[in-house]
C-alpha cells in the first residue's frame, strides 16, 4: 500500500472509499486554487456527521490541513459528498459524481472497503468529480 493510503488509514482508523474521496477532493482544490495547506483555505463540507459519507471530512482535513480545531472546516449535515473550498475571494465547489457514488457502492459490496478505497485512489480527477468556480458571497 502506498504512503498516502497508509496515512489515511492511520488518521481515520480504517481505509474506506469516502476518506479517499475527501483526500482526493482536498488535493484537487489545493491544486486548482493554487492554495497552501493549513491556513489559506476554508472548507464548507456537506458530508455531515453520518458515515460513510462523513468519512470524507477526515480525508479533507488530512489533504488540506484544515481542521475543526482551527475552525477552518465546517460540516453541514446534508450527507452529500460535496464541499466548497474558499480561498479569499475565490471559491471552488467540488462534488463526487453521482455515477461514481453508485459505482463505489457496488465496489464496497463486491470487494470490501479497502479494495474499493484503492480503486478510488487510482482514478483520475474527472472520473471522480465535477467542479466549478463560484463567486464568493
Protein backbone atom coordinates (compact mmCIF):
# COMPACT_ATOMS: atom_id res chain seq x y z
CA UNK A 1 0.00 0.00 0.00
CA UNK A 2 1.30 3.45 -0.81
CA UNK A 3 2.31 6.04 1.79
CA UNK A 4 -0.74 8.29 1.32
CA UNK A 5 -3.21 5.43 1.80
CA UNK A 6 -1.28 4.31 4.89
CA UNK A 7 -1.51 7.85 6.35
CA UNK A 8 -5.24 7.97 5.61
CA UNK A 9 -5.77 4.62 7.31
CA UNK A 10 -3.76 5.68 10.36
CA UNK A 11 -5.54 9.04 10.69
CA UNK A 12 -9.05 7.72 10.05
CA UNK A 13 -8.74 4.34 11.77
CA UNK A 14 -9.57 2.27 8.69
CA UNK A 15 -9.36 2.66 4.94
CA UNK A 16 -12.60 3.21 3.06
CA UNK A 17 -13.56 4.92 -0.18
CA UNK A 18 -15.05 8.09 1.33
CA UNK A 19 -11.92 9.07 3.28
CA UNK A 20 -10.06 8.68 -0.03
CA UNK A 21 -12.71 10.80 -1.80
CA UNK A 22 -12.17 13.58 0.75
CA UNK A 23 -8.41 13.41 0.39
CA UNK A 24 -8.55 13.49 -3.40
CA UNK A 25 -11.10 16.34 -3.27
CA UNK A 26 -8.82 18.36 -1.00
CA UNK A 27 -5.79 17.77 -3.22
CA UNK A 28 -7.77 18.87 -6.27
CA UNK A 29 -8.92 22.07 -4.55
CA UNK A 30 -5.40 22.99 -3.43
CA UNK A 31 -4.12 22.46 -6.95
CA UNK A 32 -6.92 24.34 -8.76
CA UNK A 33 -6.92 27.26 -6.32
CA UNK A 34 -3.13 27.36 -6.01
CA UNK A 35 -3.65 27.45 -2.23
CA UNK A 36 -1.29 26.45 0.55
CA UNK A 37 -2.15 23.92 3.25
CA UNK A 38 -3.20 24.66 6.84
CA UNK A 39 -4.35 28.29 6.95
CA UNK A 40 -5.11 29.63 3.47
CA UNK A 41 -8.33 27.69 2.84
CA UNK A 42 -11.70 27.36 4.50
CA UNK A 43 -13.93 24.39 3.73
CA UNK A 44 -17.72 24.09 3.88
CA UNK A 45 -18.37 20.36 3.63
CA UNK A 46 -21.84 18.94 3.03
CA UNK A 47 -20.79 15.44 4.14
CA UNK A 48 -22.29 15.81 7.62
CA UNK A 49 -21.63 13.56 10.58
CA UNK A 50 -23.07 10.20 9.50
CA UNK A 51 -20.80 7.53 7.99
CA UNK A 52 -19.94 6.51 5.40
CA UNK A 53 -20.21 9.89 3.62
CA UNK A 54 -18.97 11.83 6.67
CA UNK A 55 -15.67 9.91 6.45
CA UNK A 56 -14.93 12.31 3.61
CA UNK A 57 -14.29 15.02 6.22
CA UNK A 58 -11.25 13.20 7.59
CA UNK A 59 -9.76 12.99 4.11
CA UNK A 60 -10.41 16.71 3.58
CA UNK A 61 -8.57 17.52 6.82
CA UNK A 62 -5.55 15.37 6.00
CA UNK A 63 -5.20 16.73 2.44
CA UNK A 64 -5.64 20.43 3.24
CA UNK A 65 -4.59 20.86 6.86
CA UNK A 66 -7.96 22.48 7.57
CA UNK A 67 -9.20 21.19 10.94
CA UNK A 68 -12.15 21.53 13.25
CA UNK A 69 -9.77 22.74 15.96
CA UNK A 70 -8.65 25.68 13.82
CA UNK A 71 -12.24 26.30 12.77
CA UNK A 72 -11.44 26.41 9.07
CA UNK A 73 -13.64 23.43 8.18
CA UNK A 74 -17.36 23.09 8.87
CA UNK A 75 -19.67 20.21 8.01
CA UNK A 76 -23.35 20.72 7.23
CA UNK A 77 -25.49 17.64 7.89
CA UNK A 78 -26.60 17.12 4.30
CA UNK A 79 -24.98 13.72 3.76
CA UNK A 80 -23.67 14.84 0.36
CA UNK A 81 -20.18 14.10 -0.97
CA UNK A 82 -19.60 17.74 -1.81
CA UNK A 83 -17.55 20.63 -0.45
CA UNK A 84 -16.90 24.29 -1.15
CA UNK A 85 -13.31 25.47 -0.78
CA UNK A 86 -12.87 29.18 -0.06
CA UNK A 87 -9.59 30.98 -0.69
CA UNK A 88 -10.07 34.69 -0.01
CA UNK A 89 -12.45 35.95 -2.67
CA UNK A 90 -12.35 32.74 -4.72
CA UNK A 91 -14.47 29.62 -4.19
CA UNK A 92 -14.45 26.19 -5.75
CA UNK A 93 -17.28 23.68 -5.41
CA UNK A 94 -16.27 20.04 -5.84
CA UNK A 95 -18.76 17.15 -5.81
CA UNK A 96 -18.44 13.41 -6.23
CA UNK A 97 -20.07 12.37 -9.50
CA UNK A 98 -23.40 10.60 -8.79
CA UNK A 99 -22.39 7.78 -11.14
CA UNK A 100 -19.18 7.29 -9.12
CA UNK A 101 -21.11 7.20 -5.85
CA UNK A 102 -23.22 4.34 -7.26
CA UNK A 103 -20.10 2.57 -8.54
CA UNK A 104 -18.42 2.93 -5.12
CA UNK A 105 -21.45 1.26 -3.54
CA UNK A 106 -21.06 -1.68 -5.92
CA UNK A 107 -17.32 -1.92 -5.18
CA UNK A 108 -17.99 -1.86 -1.43
CA UNK A 109 -20.46 -4.73 -1.72
CA UNK A 110 -18.32 -6.78 -4.12
CA UNK A 111 -14.79 -6.12 -2.92
CA UNK A 112 -14.93 -4.59 0.57
CA UNK A 113 -13.76 -1.23 1.93
CA UNK A 114 -10.03 -1.49 1.43
CA UNK A 115 -10.17 -2.62 -2.22
CA UNK A 116 -12.84 -0.03 -3.03
CA UNK A 117 -10.63 2.67 -1.44
CA UNK A 118 -7.61 1.63 -3.51
CA UNK A 119 -9.71 1.68 -6.69
CA UNK A 120 -10.99 5.20 -5.89
CA UNK A 121 -7.45 6.41 -5.18
CA UNK A 122 -6.32 5.27 -8.63
CA UNK A 123 -8.96 7.16 -10.62
CA UNK A 124 -8.44 10.44 -12.48
CA UNK A 125 -9.98 13.63 -11.09
CA UNK A 126 -12.53 13.88 -13.90
CA UNK A 127 -13.60 10.27 -13.31
CA UNK A 128 -14.40 11.12 -9.68
CA UNK A 129 -15.56 14.72 -9.52
CA UNK A 130 -17.36 17.59 -11.09
CA UNK A 131 -16.23 21.08 -10.09
CA UNK A 132 -16.93 24.72 -10.71
CA UNK A 133 -15.51 28.03 -9.59
CA UNK A 134 -18.08 30.20 -7.84
CA UNK A 135 -18.47 33.80 -6.74
CA UNK A 136 -17.71 34.12 -3.03
CA UNK A 137 -20.59 35.66 -1.13
